[in-house]
Amino acid sequence: MSDNSLSEDAITINHHAQGQGGRYVANIEGEEAKGYLEWEPKTGLPERDVAEDVRIATHTVVPDEIGGRGIARRLVERFVADARERGFKIVPQCSYVAAKFDENPDWADLRA
């Protein structure tokens, strides 16, 4: 099996605020299709249960035409790097994000 991963300079990941949550978008050099990871803040009732420092990873999507090149992995790695830098925890509701957390025990301190 060959490694089709993109070089570091062939992919740019940007974070965009969306409502109360956000989306990490992977732009791939020479491609129109984009991959993304969406998150939303953890909310709860009553209001006192709302946690501003917890983000729920809800979806990771990579279209077939750009799949198999490590894009989803890079999106999760960026999300995790931001969690470390900004001090928030992650609920890996998305099955792909949950699998990456299971594969990376050094991220355990970031799991909410």
C-alpha atoms as a PDB file:
ATOM      1  CA  MET A   1       0.000   0.000   0.000  1.00  0.00           C
ATOM      2  CA  SER A   2       1.484   3.357  -0.969  1.00  0.00           C
ATOM      3  CA  ASP A   3       1.423   6.449   1.201  1.00  0.00           C
ATOM      4  CA  ASN A   4      -0.602   9.142  -0.556  1.00  0.00           C
ATOM      5  CA  SER A   5      -0.189  11.699   2.256  1.00  0.00           C
ATOM      6  CA  LEU A   6       0.194  15.297   1.186  1.00  0.00           C
ATOM      7  CA  SER A   7       3.322  17.291   1.910  1.00  0.00           C
ATOM      8  CA  GLU A   8       3.041  19.897   4.655  1.00  0.00           C
ATOM      9  CA  ASP A   9       3.006  22.773   2.164  1.00  0.00           C
ATOM     10  CA  ALA A  10       0.280  21.220  -0.050  1.00  0.00           C
ATOM     11  CA  ILE A  11      -2.429  21.593   2.602  1.00  0.00           C
ATOM     12  CA  THR A  12      -3.595  24.620   4.547  1.00  0.00           C
ATOM     13  CA  ILE A  13      -5.993  24.275   7.453  1.00  0.00           C
ATOM     14  CA  ASN A  14      -7.946  27.316   8.567  1.00  0.00           C
ATOM     15  CA  HIS A  15     -10.374  27.690  11.434  1.00  0.00           C
ATOM     16  CA  HIS A  16     -13.643  29.531  10.806  1.00  0.00           C
ATOM     17  CA  ALA A  17     -16.121  30.510  13.525  1.00  0.00           C
ATOM     18  CA  GLN A  18     -19.667  29.392  12.724  1.00  0.00           C
ATOM     19  CA  GLY A  19     -22.376  30.528  15.110  1.00  0.00           C
ATOM     20  CA  GLN A  20     -21.241  29.377  18.545  1.00  0.00           C
ATOM     21  CA  GLY A  21     -19.068  26.631  17.083  1.00  0.00           C
ATOM     22  CA  GLY A  22     -16.584  26.350  14.278  1.00  0.00           C
ATOM     23  CA  ARG A  23     -15.168  24.499  11.341  1.00  0.00           C
ATOM     24  CA  TYR A  24     -11.596  23.578  10.441  1.00  0.00           C
ATOM     25  CA  VAL A  25     -11.317  23.605   6.655  1.00  0.00           C
ATOM     26  CA  ALA A  26      -8.538  21.839   4.723  1.00  0.00           C
ATOM     27  CA  ASN A  27      -7.600  23.543   1.477  1.00  0.00           C
ATOM     28  CA  ILE A  28      -5.524  21.332  -0.789  1.00  0.00           C
ATOM     29  CA  GLU A  29      -3.241  22.813  -3.406  1.00  0.00           C
ATOM     30  CA  GLY A  30      -4.673  22.248  -6.890  1.00  0.00           C
ATOM     31  CA  GLU A  31      -8.027  20.891  -5.648  1.00  0.00           C
ATOM     32  CA  GLU A  32     -11.456  22.494  -5.446  1.00  0.00           C
ATOM     33  CA  ALA A  33     -12.826  19.984  -2.925  1.00  0.00           C
ATOM     34  CA  LYS A  34     -12.228  20.717   0.742  1.00  0.00           C
ATOM     35  CA  GLY A  35     -12.273  18.557   3.842  1.00  0.00           C
ATOM     36  CA  TYR A  36     -13.565  19.809   7.165  1.00  0.00           C
ATOM     37  CA  LEU A  37     -13.984  19.078  10.858  1.00  0.00           C
ATOM     38  CA  GLU A  38     -16.915  20.713  12.646  1.00  0.00           C
ATOM     39  CA  TRP A  39     -17.248  21.367  16.354  1.00  0.00           C
ATOM     40  CA  GLU A  40     -19.810  22.899  18.663  1.00  0.00           C
ATOM     41  CA  PRO A  41     -19.615  24.064  22.260  1.00  0.00           C
ATOM     42  CA  LYS A  42     -20.762  21.716  24.984  1.00  0.00           C
ATOM     43  CA  THR A  43     -24.098  22.913  26.261  1.00  0.00           C
ATOM     44  CA  GLY A  44     -26.392  21.654  28.906  1.00  0.00           C
ATOM     45  CA  LEU A  45     -29.380  22.311  31.042  1.00  0.00           C
ATOM     46  CA  PRO A  46     -29.516  23.954  33.415  1.00  0.00           C
ATOM     47  CA  GLU A  47     -27.363  26.816  32.101  1.00  0.00           C
ATOM     48  CA  ARG A  48     -24.755  26.246  34.817  1.00  0.00           C
ATOM     49  CA  ASP A  49     -23.765  23.018  33.031  1.00  0.00           C
ATOM     50  CA  VAL A  50     -22.578  24.861  29.911  1.00  0.00           C
ATOM     51  CA  ALA A  51     -18.811  24.414  29.616  1.00  0.00           C
ATOM     52  CA  GLU A  52     -17.035  27.117  27.617  1.00  0.00           C
ATOM     53  CA  ASP A  53     -13.795  25.164  27.710  1.00  0.00           C
ATOM     54  CA  VAL A  54     -15.241  21.994  26.119  1.00  0.00           C
ATOM     55  CA  ARG A  55     -15.766  21.532  22.383  1.00  0.00           C
ATOM     56  CA  ILE A  56     -17.624  18.623  20.807  1.00  0.00           C
ATOM     57  CA  ALA A  57     -16.134  17.277  17.568  1.00  0.00           C
ATOM     58  CA  THR A  58     -19.319  16.507  15.630  1.00  0.00           C
ATOM     59  CA  HIS A  59     -18.275  15.706  12.046  1.00  0.00           C
ATOM     60  CA  THR A  60     -15.168  15.086   9.986  1.00  0.00           C
ATOM     61  CA  VAL A  61     -15.804  15.028   6.246  1.00  0.00           C
ATOM     62  CA  VAL A  62     -13.374  14.454   3.388  1.00  0.00           C
ATOM     63  CA  PRO A  63     -14.881  14.127  -0.104  1.00  0.00           C
ATOM     64  CA  ASP A  64     -13.927  10.994  -2.050  1.00  0.00           C
ATOM     65  CA  GLU A  65     -12.019  12.962  -4.687  1.00  0.00           C
ATOM     66  CA  ILE A  66      -9.461  14.077  -2.085  1.00  0.00           C
ATOM     67  CA  GLY A  67      -9.706  11.100   0.264  1.00  0.00           C
ATOM     68  CA  GLY A  68      -6.924   8.723   1.249  1.00  0.00           C
ATOM     69  CA  ARG A  69      -4.278  11.432   1.596  1.00  0.00           C
ATOM     70  CA  GLY A  70      -4.244  12.007   5.351  1.00  0.00           C
ATOM     71  CA  ILE A  71      -6.516  15.056   5.297  1.00  0.00           C
ATOM     72  CA  ALA A  72      -8.877  13.890   8.055  1.00  0.00           C
ATOM     73  CA  ARG A  73      -5.894  13.025  10.267  1.00  0.00           C
ATOM     74  CA  ARG A  74      -4.422  16.482   9.745  1.00  0.00           C
ATOM     75  CA  LEU A  75      -7.730  18.139  10.599  1.00  0.00           C
ATOM     76  CA  VAL A  76      -7.892  16.247  13.892  1.00  0.00           C
ATOM     77  CA  GLU A  77      -4.234  17.009  14.656  1.00  0.00           C
ATOM     78  CA  ARG A  78      -4.900  20.732  14.135  1.00  0.00           C
ATOM     79  CA  PHE A  79      -7.953  20.573  16.417  1.00  0.00           C
ATOM     80  CA  VAL A  80      -5.891  18.818  19.093  1.00  0.00           C
ATOM     81  CA  ALA A  81      -3.028  21.335  18.711  1.00  0.00           C
ATOM     82  CA  ASP A  82      -5.497  24.190  19.190  1.00  0.00           C
ATOM     83  CA  ALA A  83      -6.928  22.457  22.274  1.00  0.00           C
ATOM     84  CA  ARG A  84      -3.433  22.290  23.793  1.00  0.00           C
ATOM     85  CA  GLU A  85      -2.632  25.886  22.880  1.00  0.00           C
ATOM     86  CA  ARG A  86      -5.963  27.397  23.940  1.00  0.00           C
ATOM     87  CA  GLY A  87      -6.736  25.167  26.912  1.00  0.00           C
ATOM     88  CA  PHE A  88      -9.992  23.487  25.912  1.00  0.00           C
ATOM     89  CA  LYS A  89     -11.061  19.845  26.142  1.00  0.00           C
ATOM     90  CA  ILE A  90     -12.614  17.749  23.388  1.00  0.00           C
ATOM     91  CA  VAL A  91     -15.609  15.419  23.339  1.00  0.00           C
ATOM     92  CA  PRO A  92     -14.862  13.137  20.360  1.00  0.00           C
ATOM     93  CA  GLN A  93     -18.471  12.526  19.280  1.00  0.00           C
ATOM     94  CA  CYS A  94     -17.387  12.025  15.659  1.00  0.00           C
ATOM     95  CA  SER A  95     -16.357   8.387  15.206  1.00  0.00           C
ATOM     96  CA  TYR A  96     -13.205   9.327  13.282  1.00  0.00           C
ATOM     97  CA  VAL A  97     -12.054  11.750  15.987  1.00  0.00           C
ATOM     98  CA  ALA A  98     -12.831   9.125  18.654  1.00  0.00           C
ATOM     99  CA  ALA A  99     -10.727   6.556  16.772  1.00  0.00           C
ATOM    100  CA  LYS A 100      -7.802   9.004  16.569  1.00  0.00           C
ATOM    101  CA  PHE A 101      -8.061   9.647  20.323  1.00  0.00           C
ATOM    102  CA  ASP A 102      -7.939   5.877  20.898  1.00  0.00           C
ATOM    103  CA  GLU A 103      -4.818   5.630  18.680  1.00  0.00           C
ATOM    104  CA  ASN A 104      -3.083   8.501  20.509  1.00  0.00           C
ATOM    105  CA  PRO A 105      -3.028   7.869  24.264  1.00  0.00           C
ATOM    106  CA  ASP A 106      -0.960  11.053  24.721  1.00  0.00           C
ATOM    107  CA  TRP A 107      -4.162  12.997  23.921  1.00  0.00           C
ATOM    108  CA  ALA A 108      -6.040  11.477  26.885  1.00  0.00           C
ATOM    109  CA  ASP A 109      -5.630  14.647  28.943  1.00  0.00           C
ATOM    110  CA  LEU A 110      -7.618  16.544  26.292  1.00  0.00           C
ATOM    111  CA  ARG A 111     -10.632  14.211  26.316  1.00  0.00           C
ATOM    112  CA  ALA A 112     -13.599  15.689  28.166  1.00  0.00           C
END
